[in-house]
Protein backbone atom coordinates (compact mmCIF):
# COMPACT_ATOMS: atom_id res chain seq x y z
CA MET A 1 0.00 0.00 0.00
CA ARG A 2 2.85 2.35 0.85
CA LEU A 3 4.48 1.57 -2.49
CA ALA A 4 1.26 2.50 -4.29
CA GLU A 5 1.07 5.78 -2.36
CA PHE A 6 4.70 6.51 -3.19
CA ILE A 7 4.12 5.85 -6.90
CA LEU A 8 1.01 8.06 -6.88
CA ALA A 9 2.88 10.88 -5.13
CA PHE A 10 5.76 10.55 -7.60
CA LEU A 11 3.38 10.71 -10.57
CA LEU A 12 1.63 13.79 -9.15
CA LEU A 13 4.96 15.53 -8.54
CA THR A 14 6.13 14.66 -12.05
CA ALA A 15 2.90 16.01 -13.53
CA GLN A 16 3.19 19.26 -11.56
CA THR A 17 6.81 19.67 -12.67
CA ALA A 18 5.84 19.10 -16.30
CA LEU A 19 3.05 21.67 -16.04
CA ALA A 20 5.12 24.24 -14.15
CA CYS A 21 6.34 27.32 -15.96
CA SER A 22 9.88 26.99 -17.29
CA CYS A 23 11.71 30.14 -18.38
CA LEU A 24 14.98 30.89 -20.08
CA LYS A 25 17.09 33.88 -19.09
CA ALA A 26 15.08 37.10 -18.81
CA PRO A 27 15.38 39.40 -21.86
CA THR A 28 17.27 42.67 -21.73
CA VAL A 29 15.35 45.84 -20.92
CA LYS A 30 15.61 47.08 -24.50
CA ASP A 31 14.53 43.76 -26.05
CA ASN A 32 11.61 43.42 -23.63
CA TRP A 33 10.50 47.01 -24.29
CA ARG A 34 10.57 46.44 -28.04
CA ALA A 35 8.63 43.17 -27.81
CA ALA A 36 5.87 44.49 -25.52
CA SER A 37 2.86 46.34 -26.86
CA GLN A 38 2.58 48.39 -23.66
CA VAL A 39 5.01 49.13 -20.82
CA PHE A 40 3.89 50.98 -17.71
CA ILE A 41 3.85 51.29 -13.94
CA GLY A 42 0.47 50.08 -12.75
CA GLN A 43 -1.36 49.51 -9.49
CA VAL A 44 -3.64 46.48 -9.16
CA GLU A 45 -7.16 47.52 -8.17
CA ARG A 46 -9.09 44.28 -8.45
CA VAL A 47 -8.69 40.52 -8.83
CA ASP A 48 -11.64 38.53 -10.22
CA THR A 49 -11.64 34.78 -9.67
CA SER A 50 -15.42 34.41 -9.69
CA GLY A 51 -15.38 32.52 -12.98
CA GLY A 52 -17.26 33.14 -16.19
CA PHE A 53 -14.07 33.36 -18.24
CA TYR A 54 -12.29 30.29 -19.56
CA SER A 55 -9.06 29.56 -21.38
CA SER A 56 -8.87 27.76 -24.72
CA GLY A 57 -8.29 24.54 -22.75
CA GLY A 58 -11.54 24.98 -20.84
CA GLY A 59 -9.98 25.96 -17.52
CA SER A 60 -11.05 29.03 -15.55
CA VAL A 61 -8.89 32.14 -15.64
CA THR A 62 -8.20 35.02 -13.27
CA LEU A 63 -8.73 38.62 -14.31
CA PHE A 64 -6.74 41.55 -12.92
CA THR A 65 -7.76 45.20 -13.21
CA VAL A 66 -4.71 47.48 -13.24
CA ARG A 67 -4.60 51.29 -13.27
CA VAL A 68 -1.83 52.85 -15.36
CA LEU A 69 0.18 55.33 -13.28
CA GLU A 70 3.00 56.09 -15.72
CA SER A 71 3.35 54.83 -19.27
CA PHE A 72 6.63 54.04 -21.02
CA LYS A 73 5.13 52.75 -24.26
CA ARG A 74 1.82 53.80 -25.85
CA GLU A 75 -0.19 56.87 -24.92
CA VAL A 76 -2.76 56.60 -22.11
CA HIS A 77 -5.95 58.13 -23.48
CA GLU A 78 -8.11 60.20 -21.16
CA GLY A 79 -10.93 58.13 -19.72
CA TYR A 80 -9.15 54.79 -20.30
CA PRO A 81 -6.55 54.43 -17.51
CA LEU A 82 -7.50 50.83 -16.66
CA ARG A 83 -6.08 47.66 -18.18
CA THR A 84 -7.42 44.11 -17.80
CA PHE A 85 -4.98 41.21 -17.55
CA VAL A 86 -5.87 37.55 -17.88
CA SER A 87 -3.98 34.69 -16.23
CA SER A 88 -4.67 30.97 -16.56
CA GLY A 89 -3.51 28.66 -13.80
CA GLU A 90 -2.78 25.69 -16.02
CA GLY A 91 0.97 25.77 -15.63
CA ALA A 92 1.14 28.78 -17.92
CA CYS A 93 3.74 31.47 -17.42
CA ASP A 94 1.18 34.26 -16.98
CA SER A 95 1.92 36.88 -14.34
CA TYR A 96 -0.17 36.84 -11.16
CA PHE A 97 -0.72 40.18 -9.39
CA ARG A 98 -1.69 41.18 -5.85
CA VAL A 99 -4.30 43.84 -5.09
CA GLY A 100 -2.84 47.16 -3.96
CA GLU A 101 0.68 46.42 -5.21
CA LYS A 102 2.48 48.47 -7.85
CA TYR A 103 4.29 46.75 -10.70
CA LEU A 104 6.43 47.60 -13.69
CA ILE A 105 4.52 45.69 -16.36
CA TYR A 106 5.55 44.63 -19.85
CA ALA A 107 2.18 43.84 -21.44
CA TYR A 108 1.20 42.02 -24.61
CA GLY A 109 -1.99 42.67 -26.56
CA ASP A 110 -3.38 45.04 -29.16
CA SER A 111 -6.23 47.03 -27.67
CA PRO A 112 -5.96 49.38 -24.66
CA ARG A 113 -9.49 48.23 -23.74
CA GLY A 114 -8.98 44.53 -24.49
CA MET A 115 -7.44 41.63 -22.57
CA LEU A 116 -3.70 41.86 -21.97
CA LYS A 117 -1.17 39.29 -20.80
CA SER A 118 2.12 39.50 -18.98
CA SER A 119 4.65 36.75 -18.45
CA LEU A 120 6.65 35.43 -15.53
CA CYS A 121 9.46 34.96 -18.04
CA ASP A 122 9.90 38.65 -18.86
CA ARG A 123 10.94 41.63 -16.72
CA THR A 124 7.52 42.33 -15.17
CA GLY A 125 7.87 42.64 -11.40
CA LEU A 126 6.99 44.48 -8.22
CA LEU A 127 7.99 48.12 -8.54
CA GLU A 128 9.92 48.02 -5.27
CA HIS A 129 12.16 45.31 -6.73
CA ILE A 130 12.85 47.15 -10.01
CA GLU A 131 16.21 48.90 -10.22
CA GLU A 132 16.17 52.63 -10.93
CA GLY A 133 18.40 52.06 -13.94
CA GLU A 134 15.68 50.01 -15.62
CA LEU A 135 13.08 52.74 -15.06
CA GLU A 136 15.45 55.36 -16.45
CA LEU A 137 16.08 53.23 -19.53
CA VAL A 138 12.39 52.59 -20.34
CA ARG A 139 11.71 56.32 -19.91
CA LYS A 140 14.56 57.09 -22.31
CA LEU A 141 13.32 54.52 -24.86
CA TRP A 142 9.83 56.02 -24.74
CA GLN A 143 11.12 59.59 -25.16
CA GLU A 144 13.27 58.53 -28.11
CA ALA A 145 10.33 56.71 -29.70
CA LYS A 146 8.09 59.77 -29.33
CA GLY A 147 10.81 61.99 -30.76
CA ALA A 148 11.22 59.73 -33.79
CA LYS A 149 7.49 59.78 -34.47
CA TYR A 150 6.69 63.41 -33.79
CA VAL A 151 4.54 63.74 -36.94
CA SER A 152 2.04 61.21 -35.58
CA PHE A 153 1.33 63.48 -32.63
CA VAL A 154 0.12 66.48 -34.66
CA SER A 155 -3.47 66.77 -35.85
CA ALA A 156 -4.54 65.05 -39.07
CA GLU A 157 -5.29 68.44 -40.66
CA GLU A 158 -1.86 69.84 -39.81
CA PHE A 159 -0.20 66.65 -41.03
CA GLU A 160 -2.00 66.92 -44.40
CA LEU A 161 -1.05 70.61 -44.69
CA ASN A 162 2.59 69.73 -44.07
CA LEU A 163 2.42 67.12 -46.83
CA LEU A 164 0.78 69.62 -49.19
CA ARG A 165 3.42 72.27 -48.47
CA ALA A 166 6.21 69.78 -49.08
CA SER A 167 4.56 68.66 -52.32
CA ASN A 168 4.17 72.26 -53.54
CA GLU A 169 7.78 73.08 -52.70
CA LYS A 170 8.94 70.02 -54.63
CA LEU A 171 6.74 70.96 -57.60
CA GLU A 172 8.05 74.54 -57.63
CA GLU A 173 11.61 73.24 -57.56
CA ARG A 174 10.93 70.98 -60.56
CA LEU A 175 9.20 73.81 -62.46
CA GLY A 176 12.20 76.06 -61.85
CA LEU A 177 14.56 73.41 -63.23
CA ALA A 178 12.29 72.88 -66.25
CA LYS A 179 12.18 76.62 -66.99
CA ALA A 180 15.96 76.87 -66.76
CA ALA A 181 16.35 73.91 -69.13
CA LEU A 182 13.89 75.41 -71.64
CA ALA A 183 15.66 78.78 -71.50
CA THR A 184 19.01 77.09 -72.15
CA MET A 185 17.56 75.13 -75.08
CA ALA A 186 15.97 78.29 -76.55
CA ALA A 187 19.22 80.23 -76.26
CA GLY A 188 21.12 77.40 -77.92
CA PHE A 189 18.57 77.20 -80.75
CA ILE A 190 18.74 80.97 -81.34
CA LEU A 191 22.54 80.85 -81.32
CA LEU A 192 22.48 78.03 -83.87
CA LEU A 193 20.16 80.08 -86.13
CA LEU A 194 22.45 83.10 -85.90
CA ILE A 195 25.50 81.03 -86.83
CA GLN A 196 23.73 79.51 -89.83
CA TRP A 197 22.47 82.95 -90.92
CA ARG A 198 25.95 84.45 -90.77
CA ASN A 199 27.28 81.56 -92.82
CA GLY A 200 24.64 82.26 -95.43
CA LYS A 201 22.82 79.02 -94.97
CA LEU A 202 19.49 80.70 -94.18
């Protein structure tokens, strides 16, 4: 009987180990920032384990409501400061958050209002455990990204006007070159006529 219990315990332990999350070395700050769709400091406001949401495997999932306090990738639109994270407990590597705690989160997902995910295998962690150097770097990456895409932050009307001005300037430049070429050709043609006239060929 003891042998049977031992075998059962061994099988359960093996199954748990197989299902447990296994991660490689954490990515660098820059690589993680580039891979994530959103990066921000957030505070967890609610954890929902009441059910009603299920993973693709049929298991229940946990939902976390997080308020964005400071964003380091993607603008936080007024009226939409909350993000919803989903975590399945089926041995997945999804992050699990505690209510009231603040985290630096590297999130994955497309819509600011849709379901997001975060992984135990990336650099997401409690804010108090994050080194200041990492925060400085993600701030710098975000500032550089905004600086490189400054046109996208102006209004659509102003953007179109800028394009129109640039197009007109280019057209005027080409017209000026065409006029100069025509003037040169006309002068050459007149000079050729004068030479032929003086030689008595006209």
